[in-house]
Amino acid sequence: MSSQHGHPNAAESRDLTTPWVVQAGGDRVRTIRGLNLFLGRPQLCGPAATFACSPNDNLAIHAALYGAKPGSVLIGDGGGTSTFGLFGELMATDAVARGLGGLVVAGTVRDLADLDRLGLPIVCAGAAPGQCTKTSLVSVGEPVAVGGVLVQPGDQVIADRDGVAVVPAGLWEEVREEALALAEREDGYLRRLKAGERLAQILALDFSAGAGRPGR
């Protein structure tokens, strides 16, 4: 199911869900916590273009956006910003025009209706209407901690409404192949369920385990 020369097929990669990636990847996959607002298209997958913002300042995201390659996912720390929008309609329009894969930011964004309309997948900590300054930054293109996970530039970022997962760049191909195999196996389960089989039978569950114990 891989493309030529062993490189990931982008369409296949975008179709992978975070549950498949996390289940297949096990301890090779790290899960970002605390980002509960998802805007735009319901899924993103791409290599990390990292940034770290100064408080209430989005210059770092502008710099990362300016230098990011098509398909990459902007991901970074918002510097504790919670009352200002670090990313909005104008930045999203630029990102869409450059073919970026999305944004993951531990901070707040604004212009939610416009972001949804533009379709760029965005995962963030919430919304705030204020305008950020653009005078300083912490880092661009360096390792950054996001939601308890250290993200290296180029790490693979996968996100949907189930969560955000990060896979080290050197492990992504093998995790991806295993996740695709899991997806194919679950497709087989779905076909059998639609044909009338019961899930417990497909999974060979043993309901007798623990039967008769107090409180069961």
N, C-alpha and C. Protein backbone atom coordinates (compact mmCIF):
# COMPACT_ATOMS: atom_id res chain seq x y z
N MET A 1 0.81 -1.20 0.00
CA MET A 1 0.00 0.00 0.00
C MET A 1 0.85 1.25 0.00
N SER A 2 2.16 1.09 -0.01
CA SER A 2 3.05 2.24 -0.06
C SER A 2 3.19 2.73 -1.48
N SER A 3 3.60 4.00 -1.63
CA SER A 3 3.89 4.53 -2.94
C SER A 3 5.27 4.08 -3.38
N GLN A 4 5.71 4.47 -4.55
CA GLN A 4 7.00 4.06 -5.08
C GLN A 4 8.12 4.54 -4.17
N HIS A 5 9.25 3.76 -4.20
CA HIS A 5 10.47 4.11 -3.45
C HIS A 5 10.25 4.10 -1.94
N GLY A 6 9.12 3.52 -1.47
CA GLY A 6 8.90 3.38 -0.04
C GLY A 6 8.45 4.63 0.66
N HIS A 7 8.18 5.71 -0.04
CA HIS A 7 7.73 6.93 0.62
C HIS A 7 6.23 6.84 0.88
N PRO A 8 5.72 7.47 1.97
CA PRO A 8 4.32 7.42 2.27
C PRO A 8 3.48 8.05 1.17
N ASN A 9 2.34 7.46 0.91
CA ASN A 9 1.35 8.05 0.02
C ASN A 9 0.57 9.08 0.82
N ALA A 10 0.57 10.34 0.40
CA ALA A 10 -0.02 11.40 1.20
C ALA A 10 -1.51 11.17 1.43
N ALA A 11 -2.24 10.71 0.40
CA ALA A 11 -3.67 10.48 0.56
C ALA A 11 -3.93 9.39 1.59
N GLU A 12 -3.14 8.32 1.57
CA GLU A 12 -3.29 7.26 2.55
C GLU A 12 -3.00 7.79 3.94
N SER A 13 -1.95 8.56 4.08
CA SER A 13 -1.57 9.08 5.39
C SER A 13 -2.67 9.97 5.96
N ARG A 14 -3.26 10.82 5.14
CA ARG A 14 -4.30 11.71 5.64
C ARG A 14 -5.52 10.93 6.08
N ASP A 15 -5.76 9.75 5.53
CA ASP A 15 -6.91 8.96 5.89
C ASP A 15 -6.74 8.23 7.22
N LEU A 16 -5.54 8.15 7.74
CA LEU A 16 -5.31 7.47 9.00
C LEU A 16 -5.90 8.28 10.16
N THR A 17 -6.55 7.60 11.08
CA THR A 17 -7.09 8.25 12.27
C THR A 17 -6.11 8.16 13.42
N THR A 18 -6.25 9.05 14.40
CA THR A 18 -5.37 8.97 15.56
C THR A 18 -5.58 7.68 16.35
N PRO A 19 -6.81 7.14 16.49
CA PRO A 19 -6.92 5.85 17.19
C PRO A 19 -6.12 4.75 16.51
N TRP A 20 -6.14 4.67 15.18
CA TRP A 20 -5.34 3.66 14.48
C TRP A 20 -3.85 3.87 14.73
N VAL A 21 -3.40 5.11 14.62
CA VAL A 21 -1.98 5.40 14.79
C VAL A 21 -1.53 5.10 16.22
N VAL A 22 -2.32 5.53 17.22
CA VAL A 22 -1.96 5.31 18.62
C VAL A 22 -2.01 3.82 18.96
N GLN A 23 -3.04 3.12 18.48
CA GLN A 23 -3.16 1.70 18.77
C GLN A 23 -2.03 0.91 18.12
N ALA A 24 -1.73 1.22 16.88
CA ALA A 24 -0.67 0.50 16.17
C ALA A 24 0.72 0.88 16.68
N GLY A 25 0.89 2.16 17.01
CA GLY A 25 2.22 2.65 17.36
C GLY A 25 2.66 2.39 18.78
N GLY A 26 1.70 2.22 19.70
CA GLY A 26 2.06 1.96 21.10
C GLY A 26 2.95 3.04 21.66
N ASP A 27 4.04 2.63 22.31
CA ASP A 27 4.90 3.61 22.98
C ASP A 27 5.80 4.38 22.02
N ARG A 28 5.69 4.11 20.72
CA ARG A 28 6.40 4.92 19.73
C ARG A 28 5.66 6.22 19.43
N VAL A 29 4.43 6.32 19.89
CA VAL A 29 3.57 7.48 19.62
C VAL A 29 3.33 8.25 20.90
N ARG A 30 3.40 9.58 20.82
CA ARG A 30 3.12 10.45 21.95
C ARG A 30 1.85 11.24 21.68
N THR A 31 1.04 11.46 22.71
CA THR A 31 -0.25 12.12 22.56
C THR A 31 -0.25 13.47 23.26
N ILE A 32 -0.58 14.50 22.53
CA ILE A 32 -0.63 15.86 23.07
C ILE A 32 -1.93 16.04 23.87
N ARG A 33 -1.82 16.68 25.01
CA ARG A 33 -2.97 16.88 25.90
C ARG A 33 -3.38 18.35 25.93
N GLY A 34 -4.66 18.58 26.24
CA GLY A 34 -5.15 19.91 26.56
C GLY A 34 -5.60 20.78 25.40
N LEU A 35 -5.62 20.25 24.18
CA LEU A 35 -6.09 21.02 23.02
C LEU A 35 -7.43 20.45 22.58
N ASN A 36 -8.49 21.21 22.81
CA ASN A 36 -9.84 20.65 22.67
C ASN A 36 -10.70 21.31 21.61
N LEU A 37 -10.18 22.30 20.90
CA LEU A 37 -10.96 22.96 19.86
C LEU A 37 -10.39 22.59 18.50
N PHE A 38 -11.24 22.03 17.62
CA PHE A 38 -10.82 21.62 16.27
C PHE A 38 -11.64 22.39 15.26
N LEU A 39 -10.95 23.04 14.33
CA LEU A 39 -11.60 23.86 13.31
C LEU A 39 -11.20 23.38 11.92
N GLY A 40 -11.99 23.76 10.92
CA GLY A 40 -11.67 23.42 9.53
C GLY A 40 -11.94 21.96 9.22
N ARG A 41 -11.19 21.41 8.27
CA ARG A 41 -11.35 20.01 7.89
C ARG A 41 -11.07 19.10 9.08
N PRO A 42 -11.67 17.91 9.12
CA PRO A 42 -11.62 17.11 10.34
C PRO A 42 -10.36 16.29 10.55
N GLN A 43 -9.33 16.44 9.71
CA GLN A 43 -8.14 15.61 9.88
C GLN A 43 -6.92 16.29 9.30
N LEU A 44 -5.77 16.11 9.96
CA LEU A 44 -4.51 16.61 9.40
C LEU A 44 -3.42 15.57 9.62
N CYS A 45 -2.44 15.60 8.74
CA CYS A 45 -1.30 14.69 8.85
C CYS A 45 -0.15 15.30 8.06
N GLY A 46 0.99 15.51 8.71
CA GLY A 46 2.12 16.08 8.00
C GLY A 46 3.31 16.28 8.92
N PRO A 47 4.47 16.59 8.37
CA PRO A 47 5.67 16.82 9.17
C PRO A 47 5.61 18.16 9.90
N ALA A 48 6.18 18.18 11.10
CA ALA A 48 6.09 19.34 11.96
C ALA A 48 6.99 20.48 11.50
N ALA A 49 6.42 21.69 11.46
CA ALA A 49 7.17 22.94 11.32
C ALA A 49 6.97 23.68 12.63
N THR A 50 7.99 23.71 13.48
CA THR A 50 7.82 24.10 14.88
C THR A 50 8.03 25.59 15.14
N PHE A 51 7.42 26.06 16.23
CA PHE A 51 7.59 27.45 16.67
C PHE A 51 7.29 27.53 18.15
N ALA A 52 7.77 28.59 18.79
CA ALA A 52 7.42 28.91 20.17
C ALA A 52 7.23 30.42 20.27
N CYS A 53 6.07 30.83 20.76
CA CYS A 53 5.70 32.24 20.81
C CYS A 53 6.11 32.89 22.13
N SER A 54 6.36 34.18 22.08
CA SER A 54 6.40 34.99 23.28
C SER A 54 4.96 35.24 23.73
N PRO A 55 4.72 35.53 25.01
CA PRO A 55 3.35 35.75 25.47
C PRO A 55 2.63 36.83 24.67
N ASN A 56 1.44 36.50 24.20
CA ASN A 56 0.56 37.44 23.49
C ASN A 56 1.19 38.01 22.23
N ASP A 57 2.10 37.26 21.62
CA ASP A 57 2.82 37.71 20.42
C ASP A 57 2.87 36.55 19.42
N ASN A 58 2.45 36.80 18.19
CA ASN A 58 2.40 35.71 17.20
C ASN A 58 3.46 35.83 16.10
N LEU A 59 4.53 36.59 16.35
CA LEU A 59 5.57 36.72 15.35
C LEU A 59 6.17 35.36 14.99
N ALA A 60 6.29 34.46 15.97
CA ALA A 60 6.88 33.15 15.71
C ALA A 60 6.04 32.34 14.73
N ILE A 61 4.71 32.45 14.83
CA ILE A 61 3.85 31.72 13.89
C ILE A 61 3.98 32.32 12.49
N HIS A 62 4.06 33.65 12.41
CA HIS A 62 4.26 34.30 11.11
C HIS A 62 5.57 33.81 10.47
N ALA A 63 6.64 33.72 11.27
CA ALA A 63 7.93 33.28 10.73
C ALA A 63 7.86 31.83 10.29
N ALA A 64 7.21 30.97 11.09
CA ALA A 64 7.08 29.56 10.72
C ALA A 64 6.23 29.41 9.46
N LEU A 65 5.16 30.18 9.38
CA LEU A 65 4.28 30.16 8.20
C LEU A 65 5.04 30.60 6.96
N TYR A 66 5.87 31.61 7.08
CA TYR A 66 6.60 32.13 5.94
C TYR A 66 7.58 31.11 5.39
N GLY A 67 8.19 30.32 6.27
CA GLY A 67 9.21 29.39 5.82
C GLY A 67 8.76 27.96 5.64
N ALA A 68 7.51 27.65 5.97
CA ALA A 68 7.05 26.26 5.96
C ALA A 68 6.88 25.72 4.55
N LYS A 69 7.20 24.44 4.38
CA LYS A 69 7.03 23.78 3.09
C LYS A 69 5.61 23.28 2.92
N PRO A 70 5.11 23.20 1.70
CA PRO A 70 3.76 22.65 1.47
C PRO A 70 3.60 21.29 2.13
N GLY A 71 2.44 21.07 2.73
CA GLY A 71 2.14 19.81 3.39
C GLY A 71 2.54 19.76 4.84
N SER A 72 3.37 20.68 5.30
CA SER A 72 3.82 20.65 6.68
C SER A 72 2.73 21.19 7.62
N VAL A 73 2.85 20.81 8.88
CA VAL A 73 1.91 21.22 9.91
C VAL A 73 2.61 22.17 10.87
N LEU A 74 2.13 23.39 10.98
CA LEU A 74 2.65 24.34 11.96
C LEU A 74 2.26 23.84 13.35
N ILE A 75 3.23 23.70 14.24
CA ILE A 75 2.92 23.21 15.58
C ILE A 75 3.82 23.89 16.59
N GLY A 76 3.21 24.37 17.68
CA GLY A 76 4.05 25.05 18.65
C GLY A 76 3.33 25.49 19.90
N ASP A 77 4.11 26.17 20.73
CA ASP A 77 3.66 26.66 22.02
C ASP A 77 3.25 28.12 21.90
N GLY A 78 2.09 28.45 22.47
CA GLY A 78 1.56 29.80 22.37
C GLY A 78 2.06 30.76 23.43
N GLY A 79 3.02 30.35 24.26
CA GLY A 79 3.59 31.26 25.24
C GLY A 79 2.64 31.65 26.36
N GLY A 80 1.63 30.81 26.62
CA GLY A 80 0.67 31.11 27.67
C GLY A 80 -0.44 32.04 27.24
N THR A 81 -0.51 32.36 25.95
CA THR A 81 -1.54 33.28 25.46
C THR A 81 -2.92 32.67 25.61
N SER A 82 -3.86 33.41 26.21
CA SER A 82 -5.22 32.91 26.38
C SER A 82 -6.29 33.96 26.11
N THR A 83 -5.91 35.22 25.95
CA THR A 83 -6.90 36.28 25.72
C THR A 83 -6.70 36.96 24.38
N PHE A 84 -5.74 36.49 23.59
CA PHE A 84 -5.46 37.05 22.27
C PHE A 84 -5.46 35.92 21.24
N GLY A 85 -5.86 36.25 20.01
CA GLY A 85 -5.89 35.26 18.96
C GLY A 85 -4.54 35.16 18.27
N LEU A 86 -3.86 34.03 18.43
CA LEU A 86 -2.54 33.86 17.84
C LEU A 86 -2.59 33.63 16.33
N PHE A 87 -3.74 33.23 15.83
CA PHE A 87 -3.88 32.85 14.42
C PHE A 87 -5.30 33.19 14.01
N GLY A 88 -5.45 33.79 12.79
CA GLY A 88 -6.77 34.19 12.35
C GLY A 88 -6.94 34.04 10.85
N GLU A 89 -7.94 34.73 10.32
CA GLU A 89 -8.34 34.57 8.92
C GLU A 89 -7.20 34.86 7.94
N LEU A 90 -6.47 35.96 8.14
CA LEU A 90 -5.42 36.34 7.19
C LEU A 90 -4.31 35.30 7.15
N MET A 91 -3.89 34.83 8.31
CA MET A 91 -2.84 33.82 8.37
C MET A 91 -3.31 32.50 7.77
N ALA A 92 -4.56 32.14 8.04
CA ALA A 92 -5.10 30.90 7.48
C ALA A 92 -5.19 30.97 5.96
N THR A 93 -5.56 32.14 5.44
CA THR A 93 -5.63 32.32 3.99
C THR A 93 -4.26 32.13 3.36
N ASP A 94 -3.22 32.68 3.99
CA ASP A 94 -1.85 32.50 3.53
C ASP A 94 -1.45 31.03 3.59
N ALA A 95 -1.79 30.36 4.69
CA ALA A 95 -1.43 28.95 4.87
C ALA A 95 -2.11 28.07 3.82
N VAL A 96 -3.37 28.34 3.54
CA VAL A 96 -4.09 27.56 2.51
C VAL A 96 -3.46 27.78 1.14
N ALA A 97 -3.11 29.02 0.84
CA ALA A 97 -2.50 29.33 -0.46
C ALA A 97 -1.16 28.63 -0.63
N ARG A 98 -0.44 28.40 0.47
CA ARG A 98 0.85 27.73 0.41
C ARG A 98 0.74 26.22 0.52
N GLY A 99 -0.48 25.71 0.68
CA GLY A 99 -0.68 24.27 0.72
C GLY A 99 -0.22 23.62 2.01
N LEU A 100 -0.28 24.36 3.13
CA LEU A 100 0.14 23.77 4.40
C LEU A 100 -0.90 22.76 4.90
N GLY A 101 -0.43 21.84 5.76
CA GLY A 101 -1.31 20.77 6.21
C GLY A 101 -2.17 21.11 7.39
N GLY A 102 -1.87 22.19 8.11
CA GLY A 102 -2.69 22.57 9.25
C GLY A 102 -1.88 23.25 10.33
N LEU A 103 -2.54 23.47 11.48
CA LEU A 103 -1.94 24.16 12.62
C LEU A 103 -2.32 23.44 13.90
N VAL A 104 -1.35 23.22 14.77
CA VAL A 104 -1.59 22.75 16.14
C VAL A 104 -0.89 23.73 17.06
N VAL A 105 -1.65 24.40 17.93
CA VAL A 105 -1.05 25.42 18.77
C VAL A 105 -1.61 25.34 20.19
N ALA A 106 -0.72 25.33 21.17
CA ALA A 106 -1.11 25.39 22.58
C ALA A 106 -1.36 26.85 22.93
N GLY A 107 -2.51 27.34 22.48
CA GLY A 107 -2.89 28.73 22.66
C GLY A 107 -4.21 28.97 21.96
N THR A 108 -4.64 30.22 21.95
CA THR A 108 -5.96 30.57 21.42
C THR A 108 -5.86 31.20 20.02
N VAL A 109 -6.94 31.06 19.26
CA VAL A 109 -7.04 31.62 17.91
C VAL A 109 -8.30 32.49 17.83
N ARG A 110 -8.46 33.17 16.70
CA ARG A 110 -9.67 33.99 16.53
C ARG A 110 -10.20 33.84 15.11
N ASP A 111 -11.32 34.51 14.80
CA ASP A 111 -11.99 34.44 13.49
C ASP A 111 -12.48 33.03 13.19
N LEU A 112 -13.13 32.41 14.17
CA LEU A 112 -13.49 31.00 14.06
C LEU A 112 -14.36 30.69 12.84
N ALA A 113 -15.34 31.52 12.56
CA ALA A 113 -16.22 31.26 11.41
C ALA A 113 -15.42 31.27 10.11
N ASP A 114 -14.49 32.19 9.99
CA ASP A 114 -13.66 32.27 8.78
C ASP A 114 -12.70 31.09 8.70
N LEU A 115 -12.15 30.66 9.84
CA LEU A 115 -11.25 29.51 9.84
C LEU A 115 -12.00 28.25 9.41
N ASP A 116 -13.21 28.08 9.89
CA ASP A 116 -14.01 26.94 9.46
C ASP A 116 -14.29 27.00 7.96
N ARG A 117 -14.60 28.20 7.47
CA ARG A 117 -14.91 28.36 6.04
C ARG A 117 -13.68 28.04 5.18
N LEU A 118 -12.52 28.46 5.61
CA LEU A 118 -11.30 28.22 4.83
C LEU A 118 -10.89 26.75 4.82
N GLY A 119 -11.25 26.02 5.87
CA GLY A 119 -11.04 24.58 5.87
C GLY A 119 -9.70 24.10 6.38
N LEU A 120 -8.75 25.00 6.65
CA LEU A 120 -7.45 24.56 7.16
C LEU A 120 -7.65 23.86 8.50
N PRO A 121 -7.18 22.61 8.67
CA PRO A 121 -7.35 21.94 9.96
C PRO A 121 -6.55 22.63 11.05
N ILE A 122 -7.21 22.98 12.14
CA ILE A 122 -6.57 23.69 13.24
C ILE A 122 -6.98 23.04 14.56
N VAL A 123 -6.01 22.72 15.38
CA VAL A 123 -6.27 22.23 16.74
C VAL A 123 -5.64 23.24 17.70
N CYS A 124 -6.42 23.70 18.68
CA CYS A 124 -5.92 24.74 19.58
C CYS A 124 -6.58 24.60 20.94
N ALA A 125 -6.22 25.52 21.84
CA ALA A 125 -6.73 25.47 23.21
C ALA A 125 -8.03 26.23 23.40
N GLY A 126 -8.45 27.01 22.40
CA GLY A 126 -9.68 27.77 22.54
C GLY A 126 -9.66 29.00 21.65
N ALA A 127 -10.62 29.89 21.90
CA ALA A 127 -10.78 31.10 21.09
C ALA A 127 -10.66 32.34 21.96
N ALA A 128 -10.12 33.42 21.37
CA ALA A 128 -10.02 34.72 22.03
C ALA A 128 -9.96 35.78 20.94
N PRO A 129 -10.65 36.91 21.11
CA PRO A 129 -10.77 37.89 20.02
C PRO A 129 -9.64 38.91 19.91
N GLY A 130 -8.81 39.05 20.92
CA GLY A 130 -7.81 40.11 20.91
C GLY A 130 -6.74 39.94 19.85
N GLN A 131 -6.08 41.06 19.49
CA GLN A 131 -5.02 41.05 18.49
C GLN A 131 -3.65 40.96 19.15
N CYS A 132 -2.83 40.02 18.69
CA CYS A 132 -1.48 39.85 19.24
C CYS A 132 -0.52 40.91 18.72
N THR A 133 0.55 41.13 19.45
CA THR A 133 1.66 41.93 18.96
C THR A 133 2.53 41.05 18.06
N LYS A 134 3.47 41.67 17.36
CA LYS A 134 4.35 40.97 16.43
C LYS A 134 5.77 41.53 16.56
N THR A 135 6.32 41.39 17.75
CA THR A 135 7.60 42.04 18.02
C THR A 135 8.69 41.09 18.50
N SER A 136 8.34 39.90 18.99
CA SER A 136 9.36 39.00 19.53
C SER A 136 8.92 37.56 19.38
N LEU A 137 9.89 36.65 19.47
CA LEU A 137 9.58 35.22 19.41
C LEU A 137 10.58 34.47 20.26
N VAL A 138 10.23 33.23 20.59
CA VAL A 138 11.13 32.37 21.36
C VAL A 138 11.98 31.52 20.43
N SER A 139 11.33 30.84 19.47
CA SER A 139 12.07 30.02 18.53
C SER A 139 11.22 29.67 17.32
N VAL A 140 11.91 29.35 16.22
CA VAL A 140 11.27 28.83 15.01
C VAL A 140 12.18 27.72 14.48
N GLY A 141 11.58 26.58 14.15
CA GLY A 141 12.37 25.47 13.61
C GLY A 141 13.25 24.77 14.62
N GLU A 142 12.90 24.87 15.91
CA GLU A 142 13.63 24.21 16.99
C GLU A 142 12.69 23.26 17.73
N PRO A 143 13.24 22.31 18.50
CA PRO A 143 12.36 21.46 19.32
C PRO A 143 11.48 22.31 20.23
N VAL A 144 10.24 21.86 20.42
CA VAL A 144 9.30 22.64 21.22
C VAL A 144 8.39 21.69 21.99
N ALA A 145 8.05 22.08 23.22
CA ALA A 145 7.12 21.29 24.04
C ALA A 145 5.70 21.78 23.79
N VAL A 146 4.82 20.85 23.41
CA VAL A 146 3.43 21.18 23.14
C VAL A 146 2.55 20.16 23.86
N GLY A 147 1.75 20.62 24.82
CA GLY A 147 0.84 19.72 25.52
C GLY A 147 1.53 18.53 26.15
N GLY A 148 2.70 18.75 26.73
CA GLY A 148 3.42 17.69 27.41
C GLY A 148 4.26 16.81 26.50
N VAL A 149 4.36 17.15 25.23
CA VAL A 149 5.12 16.34 24.26
C VAL A 149 6.22 17.20 23.65
N LEU A 150 7.44 16.68 23.60
CA LEU A 150 8.53 17.36 22.92
C LEU A 150 8.46 17.01 21.44
N VAL A 151 8.27 18.03 20.61
CA VAL A 151 8.13 17.84 19.17
C VAL A 151 9.38 18.34 18.48
N GLN A 152 9.98 17.47 17.68
CA GLN A 152 11.15 17.84 16.89
C GLN A 152 10.69 18.28 15.50
N PRO A 153 11.38 19.24 14.87
CA PRO A 153 11.05 19.58 13.48
C PRO A 153 11.09 18.33 12.62
N GLY A 154 10.06 18.13 11.79
CA GLY A 154 9.99 16.97 10.92
C GLY A 154 9.26 15.78 11.50
N ASP A 155 8.99 15.76 12.82
CA ASP A 155 8.17 14.70 13.38
C ASP A 155 6.80 14.69 12.69
N GLN A 156 6.19 13.52 12.60
CA GLN A 156 4.89 13.43 11.96
C GLN A 156 3.79 13.76 12.96
N VAL A 157 2.90 14.67 12.56
CA VAL A 157 1.78 15.10 13.39
C VAL A 157 0.49 14.60 12.76
N ILE A 158 -0.31 13.88 13.53
CA ILE A 158 -1.59 13.36 13.07
C ILE A 158 -2.65 13.86 14.04
N ALA A 159 -3.72 14.45 13.54
CA ALA A 159 -4.75 14.98 14.43
C ALA A 159 -6.12 14.85 13.80
N ASP A 160 -7.09 14.60 14.66
CA ASP A 160 -8.50 14.63 14.28
C ASP A 160 -9.27 14.89 15.56
N ARG A 161 -10.57 14.70 15.54
CA ARG A 161 -11.36 15.05 16.71
C ARG A 161 -11.18 14.07 17.87
N ASP A 162 -10.42 13.01 17.66
CA ASP A 162 -10.08 12.10 18.75
C ASP A 162 -8.83 12.55 19.50
N GLY A 163 -8.03 13.44 18.92
CA GLY A 163 -6.83 13.89 19.59
C GLY A 163 -5.70 14.23 18.64
N VAL A 164 -4.53 14.46 19.21
CA VAL A 164 -3.33 14.81 18.44
C VAL A 164 -2.22 13.84 18.81
N ALA A 165 -1.63 13.21 17.80
CA ALA A 165 -0.54 12.25 18.02
C ALA A 165 0.70 12.73 17.29
N VAL A 166 1.86 12.42 17.85
CA VAL A 166 3.15 12.79 17.27
C VAL A 166 4.02 11.53 17.19
N VAL A 167 4.60 11.30 16.02
CA VAL A 167 5.47 10.14 15.81
C VAL A 167 6.83 10.66 15.37
N PRO A 168 7.92 10.23 16.03
CA PRO A 168 9.25 10.66 15.58
C PRO A 168 9.45 10.36 14.10
N ALA A 169 10.10 11.28 13.40
CA ALA A 169 10.23 11.17 11.95
C ALA A 169 10.80 9.83 11.52
N GLY A 170 11.79 9.32 12.23
CA GLY A 170 12.43 8.08 11.84
C GLY A 170 11.59 6.85 12.05
N LEU A 171 10.50 6.97 12.82
CA LEU A 171 9.62 5.83 13.08
C LEU A 171 8.32 5.90 12.29
N TRP A 172 8.08 7.01 11.60
CA TRP A 172 6.78 7.22 10.99
C TRP A 172 6.44 6.17 9.95
N GLU A 173 7.38 5.79 9.10
CA GLU A 173 7.05 4.85 8.03
C GLU A 173 6.57 3.52 8.60
N GLU A 174 7.25 3.00 9.62
CA GLU A 174 6.83 1.71 10.15
C GLU A 174 5.52 1.82 10.91
N VAL A 175 5.33 2.90 11.67
CA VAL A 175 4.06 3.09 12.37
C VAL A 175 2.92 3.25 11.38
N ARG A 176 3.17 4.00 10.33
CA ARG A 176 2.16 4.22 9.30
C ARG A 176 1.73 2.90 8.67
N GLU A 177 2.70 2.05 8.32
CA GLU A 177 2.37 0.76 7.70
C GLU A 177 1.54 -0.11 8.65
N GLU A 178 1.89 -0.11 9.93
CA GLU A 178 1.15 -0.90 10.90
C GLU A 178 -0.26 -0.34 11.11
N ALA A 179 -0.38 1.00 11.10
CA ALA A 179 -1.70 1.60 11.24
C ALA A 179 -2.59 1.30 10.03
N LEU A 180 -1.99 1.32 8.83
CA LEU A 180 -2.76 0.96 7.64
C LEU A 180 -3.22 -0.50 7.69
N ALA A 181 -2.36 -1.38 8.21
CA ALA A 181 -2.75 -2.79 8.36
C ALA A 181 -3.89 -2.93 9.35
N LEU A 182 -3.83 -2.17 10.44
CA LEU A 182 -4.92 -2.19 11.42
C LEU A 182 -6.22 -1.68 10.80
N ALA A 183 -6.13 -0.60 10.03
CA ALA A 183 -7.31 -0.07 9.36
C ALA A 183 -7.92 -1.10 8.41
N GLU A 184 -7.07 -1.81 7.70
CA GLU A 184 -7.57 -2.83 6.78
C GLU A 184 -8.25 -3.96 7.54
N ARG A 185 -7.67 -4.35 8.67
CA ARG A 185 -8.28 -5.40 9.48
C ARG A 185 -9.65 -4.96 10.01
N GLU A 186 -9.76 -3.72 10.46
CA GLU A 186 -11.04 -3.23 10.96
C GLU A 186 -12.06 -3.10 9.84
N ASP A 187 -11.62 -2.77 8.63
CA ASP A 187 -12.53 -2.77 7.49
C ASP A 187 -13.13 -4.15 7.28
N GLY A 188 -12.30 -5.18 7.47
CA GLY A 188 -12.80 -6.55 7.37
C GLY A 188 -13.84 -6.85 8.44
N TYR A 189 -13.60 -6.37 9.66
CA TYR A 189 -14.60 -6.54 10.72
C TYR A 189 -15.91 -5.87 10.34
N LEU A 190 -15.83 -4.67 9.79
CA LEU A 190 -17.04 -3.95 9.40
C LEU A 190 -17.83 -4.71 8.35
N ARG A 191 -17.12 -5.27 7.37
CA ARG A 191 -17.82 -6.05 6.34
C ARG A 191 -18.53 -7.25 6.95
N ARG A 192 -17.90 -7.91 7.90
CA ARG A 192 -18.52 -9.06 8.55
C ARG A 192 -19.71 -8.63 9.41
N LEU A 193 -19.59 -7.49 10.08
CA LEU A 193 -20.72 -6.99 10.87
C LEU A 193 -21.92 -6.67 9.99
N LYS A 194 -21.65 -6.05 8.85
CA LYS A 194 -22.74 -5.69 7.92
C LYS A 194 -23.37 -6.94 7.31
N ALA A 195 -22.61 -8.03 7.28
CA ALA A 195 -23.15 -9.29 6.76
C ALA A 195 -23.93 -10.06 7.82
N GLY A 196 -23.98 -9.55 9.04
CA GLY A 196 -24.82 -10.16 10.05
C GLY A 196 -24.10 -10.79 11.22
N GLU A 197 -22.78 -10.89 11.19
CA GLU A 197 -22.05 -11.46 12.32
C GLU A 197 -22.11 -10.51 13.51
N ARG A 198 -21.91 -11.06 14.69
CA ARG A 198 -21.86 -10.26 15.91
C ARG A 198 -20.43 -9.94 16.27
N LEU A 199 -20.21 -8.74 16.83
CA LEU A 199 -18.86 -8.30 17.15
C LEU A 199 -18.18 -9.23 18.15
N ALA A 200 -18.93 -9.68 19.15
CA ALA A 200 -18.33 -10.56 20.15
C ALA A 200 -17.81 -11.85 19.51
N GLN A 201 -18.52 -12.35 18.50
CA GLN A 201 -18.06 -13.56 17.81
C GLN A 201 -16.81 -13.27 16.98
N ILE A 202 -16.80 -12.13 16.29
CA ILE A 202 -15.64 -11.77 15.47
C ILE A 202 -14.39 -11.63 16.33
N LEU A 203 -14.55 -11.04 17.52
CA LEU A 203 -13.42 -10.83 18.42
C LEU A 203 -13.15 -12.03 19.31
N ALA A 204 -14.00 -13.07 19.20
CA ALA A 204 -13.85 -14.29 20.00
C ALA A 204 -13.78 -13.97 21.49
N LEU A 205 -14.73 -13.14 21.96
CA LEU A 205 -14.75 -12.75 23.36
C LEU A 205 -15.27 -13.90 24.23
N ASP A 206 -14.69 -14.03 25.40
CA ASP A 206 -15.09 -15.06 26.35
C ASP A 206 -15.82 -14.39 27.50
N PHE A 207 -17.15 -14.48 27.48
CA PHE A 207 -17.96 -13.83 28.53
C PHE A 207 -17.96 -14.63 29.83
N SER A 208 -17.39 -15.82 29.84
CA SER A 208 -17.40 -16.62 31.04
C SER A 208 -16.29 -16.22 32.00
N ALA A 209 -15.36 -15.42 31.52
CA ALA A 209 -14.24 -14.99 32.38
C ALA A 209 -14.76 -14.21 33.57
N GLY A 210 -14.47 -14.71 34.77
CA GLY A 210 -14.90 -14.02 35.98
C GLY A 210 -16.34 -14.24 36.35
N ALA A 211 -17.07 -15.09 35.59
CA ALA A 211 -18.47 -15.32 35.89
C ALA A 211 -18.64 -15.92 37.28
N GLY A 212 -19.64 -15.44 37.97
CA GLY A 212 -19.95 -15.99 39.28
C GLY A 212 -19.20 -15.32 40.42
N ARG A 213 -18.27 -14.42 40.09
CA ARG A 213 -17.55 -13.76 41.17
C ARG A 213 -18.45 -12.71 41.82
N PRO A 214 -18.28 -12.45 43.13
CA PRO A 214 -19.08 -11.41 43.80
C PRO A 214 -18.95 -10.08 43.10
N GLY A 215 -20.08 -9.41 42.92
CA GLY A 215 -20.10 -8.10 42.30
C GLY A 215 -20.09 -8.13 40.78
N ARG A 216 -20.09 -9.32 40.19
CA ARG A 216 -20.11 -9.43 38.72
C ARG A 216 -21.53 -9.65 38.22
